[in-house]
Amino acid sequence: MKIAVVGCGAVGSYYGARLSRAGHEVHFLLRSDFAVVQAAGVCVRSEAGDFHVRPIAAAEPEQIGPCEAVLIGLKTTANHEFPRLLTPLVGPHTAVITLQNGLGNVETLAQLFLPRQIFGGLCFVCLNRIAPGVIQHLAHGLVVLGECQPTSGGCLAQLVQAFRDAGIPCQPTDDLARAHWEKLVWNIPFNGLGVAGVAGYEAVLAGALPPHAPAGPVLTTDQLLANARWQTLVRELMLEVIAVAGALGKRIPASLAQDQILRTRNMSDYKASTLIDFERGQPLELDSLFLEPLRRAVAAGVATPRLAALCRILCALNPR
């Protein structure tokens, strides 16, 4: 397939590199890393084995043109760029696959293109971009893939097989919305509390920043789980997310919280993406990851005091 990757950070570069390695014609739409990737390609350092690929580097979407598939790895803070970046890449039969975090991305894309063209991919993976054109794969890698508008055309099955053929574990889901909530069970506590740690546990518990919050480091996954108070907050946030999903008709077993905690212990000192954005002074993905889930909780009449407190703190800490 001819594939474009839009948003070539850790997620977009890793999955794009695997598809390139499998023989697909993969184009990376790049900004700051353009010169490096054009000259030297992309290097993936992985527990499953290092590899190097040479995707086709482009600085503008018009240089790529219509594709059979588009992978979106953009931060959700850049979703306003969808019309400019995606329109030159998408034809009437293009599969548009968002690998972004949070809620609302699929719906935004469905306003620009036909809903039957839109797919959502939930990435359960530990990755970091450690240098231009260099991705470190630490653990996991599963992609759960679903359709915005289920059809009988078989496109979902073809995409799942393409991912698997590229060495990417991939599972189809017939309920994309439920899969999004399952991913939020992990994303909300480990992305949110890791940043809120700079304000201290008491600030999260009280639901507001103290007047002179001591500056501290972000908290990695192992630090959150090593401290009994933080681990309690992790579990409480997970159960709130599960409760909201249930009220919306997306039943998730409460046991998923413990499953996610056990799985996270294998990640060692992993920094979730929001922590890295915060340390770099970049805007946080607040709306899709935290505020939209809270809005849906309020609309469903579900009390989420931990999530509401976390949102207030993250809005206060947001660099922009």
Protein backbone atom coordinates (compact mmCIF):
# COMPACT_ATOMS: atom_id res chain seq x y z
CA MET A 1 0.00 0.00 0.00
CA LYS A 2 0.90 3.63 -0.35
CA ILE A 3 0.74 4.95 3.21
CA ALA A 4 1.23 8.43 4.63
CA VAL A 5 2.20 9.03 8.26
CA VAL A 6 1.06 12.40 9.61
CA GLY A 7 2.54 13.17 12.99
CA CYS A 8 5.91 11.44 13.11
CA GLY A 9 6.58 11.40 16.81
CA ALA A 10 7.13 8.18 18.71
CA VAL A 11 3.85 6.48 17.78
CA GLY A 12 3.62 7.52 14.13
CA SER A 13 7.28 6.83 13.46
CA TYR A 14 7.28 3.41 15.14
CA TYR A 15 4.24 1.99 13.37
CA GLY A 16 5.15 3.72 10.11
CA ALA A 17 8.63 2.23 10.29
CA ARG A 18 7.24 -1.27 10.83
CA LEU A 19 4.95 -0.91 7.82
CA SER A 20 7.87 0.40 5.76
CA ARG A 21 9.98 -2.55 6.82
CA ALA A 22 7.21 -4.86 5.60
CA GLY A 23 7.55 -3.45 2.09
CA HIS A 24 4.83 -0.79 1.92
CA GLU A 25 5.48 2.56 0.24
CA VAL A 26 5.49 4.72 3.37
CA HIS A 27 5.73 8.51 3.29
CA PHE A 28 6.55 10.48 6.43
CA LEU A 29 5.12 14.02 6.56
CA LEU A 30 7.71 15.86 8.64
CA ARG A 31 8.60 19.24 10.04
CA SER A 32 11.57 19.49 12.41
CA ASP A 33 12.92 16.01 11.61
CA PHE A 34 12.65 16.35 7.83
CA ALA A 35 16.36 16.80 7.05
CA VAL A 36 17.44 13.98 9.37
CA VAL A 37 14.91 11.42 8.11
CA GLN A 38 15.50 12.37 4.48
CA ALA A 39 19.24 11.87 4.91
CA ALA A 40 19.44 8.95 7.35
CA GLY A 41 15.99 7.35 7.63
CA VAL A 42 14.46 6.09 10.86
CA CYS A 43 16.13 3.88 13.45
CA VAL A 44 14.02 1.83 15.86
CA ARG A 45 15.70 0.47 18.98
CA SER A 46 13.48 -2.29 20.25
CA GLU A 47 13.46 -5.09 22.76
CA ALA A 48 12.27 -7.23 19.85
CA GLY A 49 15.32 -6.29 17.74
CA ASP A 50 16.68 -3.05 16.31
CA PHE A 51 16.01 -2.11 12.69
CA HIS A 52 16.46 0.76 10.26
CA VAL A 53 14.21 1.91 7.40
CA ARG A 54 14.23 4.64 4.78
CA PRO A 55 10.68 5.99 4.41
CA ILE A 56 10.06 8.72 1.85
CA ALA A 57 10.35 12.09 3.59
CA ALA A 58 8.04 14.93 2.61
CA ALA A 59 7.67 18.46 3.95
CA GLU A 60 4.20 19.15 2.50
CA PRO A 61 1.21 16.84 2.00
CA GLU A 62 0.92 17.86 -1.65
CA GLN A 63 4.30 16.19 -2.25
CA ILE A 64 2.73 12.87 -1.23
CA GLY A 65 -0.71 13.01 -2.84
CA PRO A 66 -3.62 10.59 -2.33
CA CYS A 67 -2.82 7.38 -0.47
CA GLU A 68 -4.48 4.08 0.26
CA ALA A 69 -4.05 4.64 4.00
CA VAL A 70 -3.16 7.57 6.25
CA LEU A 71 -1.84 7.01 9.78
CA ILE A 72 -2.38 9.97 12.12
CA GLY A 73 0.02 10.25 15.06
CA LEU A 74 -0.45 13.97 15.69
CA LYS A 75 -0.91 15.36 19.15
CA THR A 76 -4.59 16.16 19.55
CA THR A 77 -3.63 19.78 20.22
CA ALA A 78 -2.94 19.98 16.45
CA ASN A 79 -6.34 18.66 15.30
CA HIS A 80 -7.20 22.08 13.90
CA GLU A 81 -4.60 21.29 11.20
CA PHE A 82 -6.56 18.29 9.89
CA PRO A 83 -8.02 20.07 6.82
CA ARG A 84 -4.66 21.40 5.65
CA LEU A 85 -2.61 18.28 6.35
CA LEU A 86 -5.03 15.51 5.41
CA THR A 87 -7.11 16.74 2.48
CA PRO A 88 -4.32 16.33 -0.13
CA LEU A 89 -3.72 12.75 1.11
CA VAL A 90 -7.28 11.44 1.18
CA GLY A 91 -9.11 10.16 -1.87
CA PRO A 92 -12.58 8.54 -2.00
CA HIS A 93 -11.21 5.13 -0.97
CA THR A 94 -8.47 6.16 1.48
CA ALA A 95 -8.52 4.57 4.94
CA VAL A 96 -7.91 7.31 7.52
CA ILE A 97 -6.58 5.77 10.75
CA THR A 98 -6.14 7.91 13.85
CA LEU A 99 -3.74 6.52 16.46
CA GLN A 100 -4.36 9.49 18.76
CA ASN A 101 -5.22 9.47 22.43
CA GLY A 102 -8.55 10.32 23.97
CA LEU A 103 -12.07 11.04 22.78
CA GLY A 104 -13.45 13.07 19.88
CA ASN A 105 -10.77 12.50 17.23
CA VAL A 106 -12.77 10.00 15.18
CA GLU A 107 -15.80 12.29 15.26
CA THR A 108 -13.72 15.26 14.09
CA LEU A 109 -12.37 13.26 11.14
CA ALA A 110 -15.86 12.05 10.25
CA GLN A 111 -16.86 15.68 9.72
CA LEU A 112 -14.14 16.05 7.07
CA PHE A 113 -14.36 12.71 5.28
CA LEU A 114 -16.86 9.90 4.82
CA PRO A 115 -17.46 8.08 8.12
CA ARG A 116 -16.87 4.72 6.39
CA GLN A 117 -13.28 5.86 5.68
CA ILE A 118 -12.45 6.58 9.33
CA PHE A 119 -10.80 4.06 11.63
CA GLY A 120 -9.58 4.36 15.19
CA GLY A 121 -6.46 2.61 16.45
CA LEU A 122 -5.75 2.25 20.16
CA CYS A 123 -2.02 1.71 20.74
CA PHE A 124 -1.00 -0.20 23.87
CA VAL A 125 2.72 0.42 23.65
CA CYS A 126 5.66 2.02 25.49
CA LEU A 127 7.61 4.28 23.16
CA ASN A 128 9.80 7.36 23.26
CA ARG A 129 11.33 9.50 20.54
CA ILE A 130 14.84 9.93 21.93
CA ALA A 131 16.36 11.89 19.02
CA PRO A 132 15.33 13.03 15.52
CA GLY A 133 14.65 9.87 13.55
CA VAL A 134 15.36 7.60 16.54
CA ILE A 135 12.57 5.72 18.36
CA GLN A 136 13.02 3.61 21.47
CA HIS A 137 10.50 0.79 21.83
CA LEU A 138 10.40 -0.33 25.45
CA ALA A 139 7.48 -2.77 25.70
CA HIS A 140 4.18 -3.96 24.24
CA GLY A 141 2.83 -2.80 20.87
CA LEU A 142 -0.74 -4.05 20.45
CA VAL A 143 -3.07 -2.00 18.23
CA VAL A 144 -6.83 -2.42 18.66
CA LEU A 145 -8.45 -1.27 15.42
CA GLY A 146 -12.08 -0.40 14.80
CA GLU A 147 -14.36 1.35 12.34
CA CYS A 148 -16.16 4.64 12.83
CA GLN A 149 -19.01 3.27 10.72
CA PRO A 150 -18.97 -0.54 10.43
CA THR A 151 -19.46 -1.82 6.88
CA SER A 152 -19.43 -5.18 5.17
CA GLY A 153 -16.64 -4.19 2.78
CA GLY A 154 -13.86 -6.05 4.57
CA CYS A 155 -11.53 -3.05 4.79
CA LEU A 156 -11.06 -3.49 8.54
CA ALA A 157 -9.92 -7.08 8.08
CA GLN A 158 -7.47 -6.02 5.37
CA LEU A 159 -5.96 -3.32 7.60
CA VAL A 160 -5.66 -5.70 10.55
CA GLN A 161 -3.85 -8.20 8.34
CA ALA A 162 -1.51 -5.51 6.99
CA PHE A 163 -0.55 -4.58 10.55
CA ARG A 164 -0.01 -8.21 11.51
CA ASP A 165 2.09 -8.86 8.41
CA ALA A 166 4.29 -5.96 9.51
CA GLY A 167 4.93 -7.60 12.88
CA ILE A 168 2.42 -5.42 14.72
CA PRO A 169 0.04 -7.29 17.04
CA CYS A 170 -3.41 -6.12 15.96
CA GLN A 171 -6.92 -7.00 17.08
CA PRO A 172 -10.17 -5.82 15.50
CA THR A 173 -12.97 -4.47 17.67
CA ASP A 174 -16.63 -4.18 16.76
CA ASP A 175 -17.13 -1.45 19.40
CA LEU A 176 -14.60 1.33 18.88
CA ALA A 177 -16.19 3.59 21.49
CA ARG A 178 -15.81 0.92 24.17
CA ALA A 179 -12.18 0.40 23.17
CA HIS A 180 -11.54 4.14 23.62
CA TRP A 181 -12.87 3.99 27.19
CA GLU A 182 -10.75 0.92 27.91
CA LYS A 183 -7.66 2.85 26.82
CA LEU A 184 -8.67 5.81 29.00
CA VAL A 185 -8.66 3.49 32.03
CA TRP A 186 -4.85 3.56 31.71
CA ASN A 187 -4.28 6.92 30.05
CA ILE A 188 -6.11 9.16 32.52
CA PRO A 189 -4.30 8.09 35.71
CA PHE A 190 -0.81 7.54 34.34
CA ASN A 191 -0.75 10.59 32.05
CA GLY A 192 -2.58 12.83 34.51
CA LEU A 193 -1.22 11.88 37.91
CA GLY A 194 2.31 11.76 36.57
CA VAL A 195 2.07 15.49 35.85
CA ALA A 196 -0.05 16.34 38.89
CA GLY A 197 2.74 14.89 41.01
CA VAL A 198 4.62 18.19 40.69
CA ALA A 199 1.91 19.73 42.89
CA GLY A 200 1.92 16.99 45.50
CA TYR A 201 -0.61 14.36 46.54
CA GLU A 202 -2.52 16.73 48.83
CA ALA A 203 -3.29 19.04 45.90
CA VAL A 204 -4.92 16.21 43.97
CA LEU A 205 -6.85 15.07 47.02
CA ALA A 206 -8.12 18.58 47.75
CA GLY A 207 -8.95 19.26 44.12
CA ALA A 208 -7.02 22.50 43.80
CA LEU A 209 -3.45 23.71 43.68
CA PRO A 210 -2.14 25.14 46.94
CA PRO A 211 -1.12 28.82 46.71
CA HIS A 212 2.58 28.00 46.66
CA ALA A 213 2.82 24.46 45.34
CA PRO A 214 6.35 23.14 45.61
CA ALA A 215 7.91 22.39 42.26
CA GLY A 216 8.73 18.72 41.95
CA PRO A 217 9.54 16.19 39.23
CA VAL A 218 6.91 14.36 37.23
CA LEU A 219 6.12 10.86 38.44
CA THR A 220 6.92 7.88 36.23
CA THR A 221 4.77 4.75 36.22
CA ASP A 222 6.96 2.91 38.72
CA GLN A 223 6.92 5.86 41.12
CA LEU A 224 3.13 6.09 41.02
CA LEU A 225 2.78 2.40 41.80
CA ALA A 226 5.52 2.32 44.46
CA ASN A 227 3.72 4.87 46.64
CA ALA A 228 0.58 3.59 48.39
CA ARG A 229 -1.23 6.96 48.26
CA TRP A 230 -0.57 7.47 44.55
CA GLN A 231 -1.48 3.87 43.75
CA THR A 232 -4.80 4.39 45.54
CA LEU A 233 -5.47 7.43 43.35
CA VAL A 234 -4.55 5.45 40.24
CA ARG A 235 -7.10 2.78 41.14
CA GLU A 236 -9.81 5.28 42.09
CA LEU A 237 -9.42 7.15 38.79
CA MET A 238 -9.58 3.88 36.86
CA LEU A 239 -12.80 2.90 38.62
CA GLU A 240 -14.32 6.32 37.87
CA VAL A 241 -13.55 5.90 34.17
CA ILE A 242 -15.06 2.40 34.21
CA ALA A 243 -18.20 3.78 35.89
CA VAL A 244 -18.64 6.48 33.25
CA ALA A 245 -18.20 3.96 30.45
CA GLY A 246 -20.83 1.73 32.05
CA ALA A 247 -23.30 4.60 32.32
CA LEU A 248 -22.82 5.20 28.60
CA GLY A 249 -23.59 1.57 27.80
CA LYS A 250 -19.96 0.47 27.42
CA ARG A 251 -19.58 -2.24 30.04
CA ILE A 252 -16.00 -2.69 31.24
CA PRO A 253 -15.26 -5.12 34.08
CA ALA A 254 -13.89 -3.53 37.25
CA SER A 255 -11.13 -6.14 37.16
CA LEU A 256 -9.55 -4.24 34.25
CA ALA A 257 -8.16 -1.77 36.79
CA GLN A 258 -6.08 -4.42 38.52
CA ASP A 259 -5.09 -5.96 35.18
CA GLN A 260 -3.78 -2.59 33.99
CA ILE A 261 -1.86 -1.99 37.21
CA LEU A 262 -0.18 -5.39 36.97
CA ARG A 263 0.71 -4.83 33.31
CA THR A 264 2.13 -1.38 34.09
CA ARG A 265 4.57 -2.80 36.62
CA ASN A 266 6.46 -4.30 33.68
CA MET A 267 7.07 -0.83 32.23
CA SER A 268 9.64 0.16 34.88
CA ASP A 269 10.21 3.97 34.93
CA TYR A 270 8.14 4.77 31.85
CA LYS A 271 7.13 8.38 31.18
CA ALA A 272 3.73 8.67 29.51
CA SER A 273 3.43 11.16 26.67
CA THR A 274 1.78 13.90 28.74
CA LEU A 275 4.72 13.90 31.15
CA ILE A 276 7.16 14.44 28.29
CA ASP A 277 5.03 17.27 26.87
CA PHE A 278 4.92 18.92 30.29
CA GLU A 279 8.69 18.71 30.78
CA ARG A 280 9.22 20.25 27.33
CA GLY A 281 6.84 23.11 28.07
CA GLN A 282 4.45 21.99 25.33
CA PRO A 283 0.66 22.25 25.56
CA LEU A 284 -0.95 19.20 27.15
CA GLU A 285 -3.59 17.06 25.43
CA LEU A 286 -6.13 18.20 27.98
CA ASP A 287 -9.31 18.26 25.94
CA SER A 288 -9.26 14.78 24.42
CA LEU A 289 -7.67 12.94 27.35
CA PHE A 290 -9.27 14.60 30.36
CA LEU A 291 -11.83 17.33 29.73
CA GLU A 292 -13.96 15.49 27.18
CA PRO A 293 -14.24 12.36 29.38
CA LEU A 294 -15.23 14.66 32.27
CA ARG A 295 -17.87 16.39 30.12
CA ARG A 296 -19.35 13.01 29.21
CA ALA A 297 -19.33 11.97 32.86
CA VAL A 298 -21.25 15.10 33.81
CA ALA A 299 -23.73 14.56 30.97
CA ALA A 300 -24.28 10.97 32.12
CA GLY A 301 -24.81 12.06 35.72
CA VAL A 302 -21.82 10.10 37.06
CA ALA A 303 -19.88 11.59 39.96
CA THR A 304 -16.14 11.65 39.23
CA PRO A 305 -14.53 13.71 42.01
CA ARG A 306 -11.01 12.43 41.34
CA LEU A 307 -11.22 13.15 37.61
CA ALA A 308 -12.72 16.60 38.22
CA ALA A 309 -9.92 17.47 40.68
CA LEU A 310 -7.29 16.17 38.29
CA CYS A 311 -8.69 18.29 35.44
CA ARG A 312 -8.55 21.44 37.59
CA ILE A 313 -4.92 20.80 38.50
CA LEU A 314 -3.82 19.97 34.94
CA CYS A 315 -5.51 23.12 33.61
CA ALA A 316 -3.58 25.15 36.20
CA LEU A 317 -0.29 23.43 35.33
CA ASN A 318 -0.75 23.48 31.54
CA PRO A 319 2.23 25.37 30.06
CA ARG A 320 -0.07 27.06 27.52
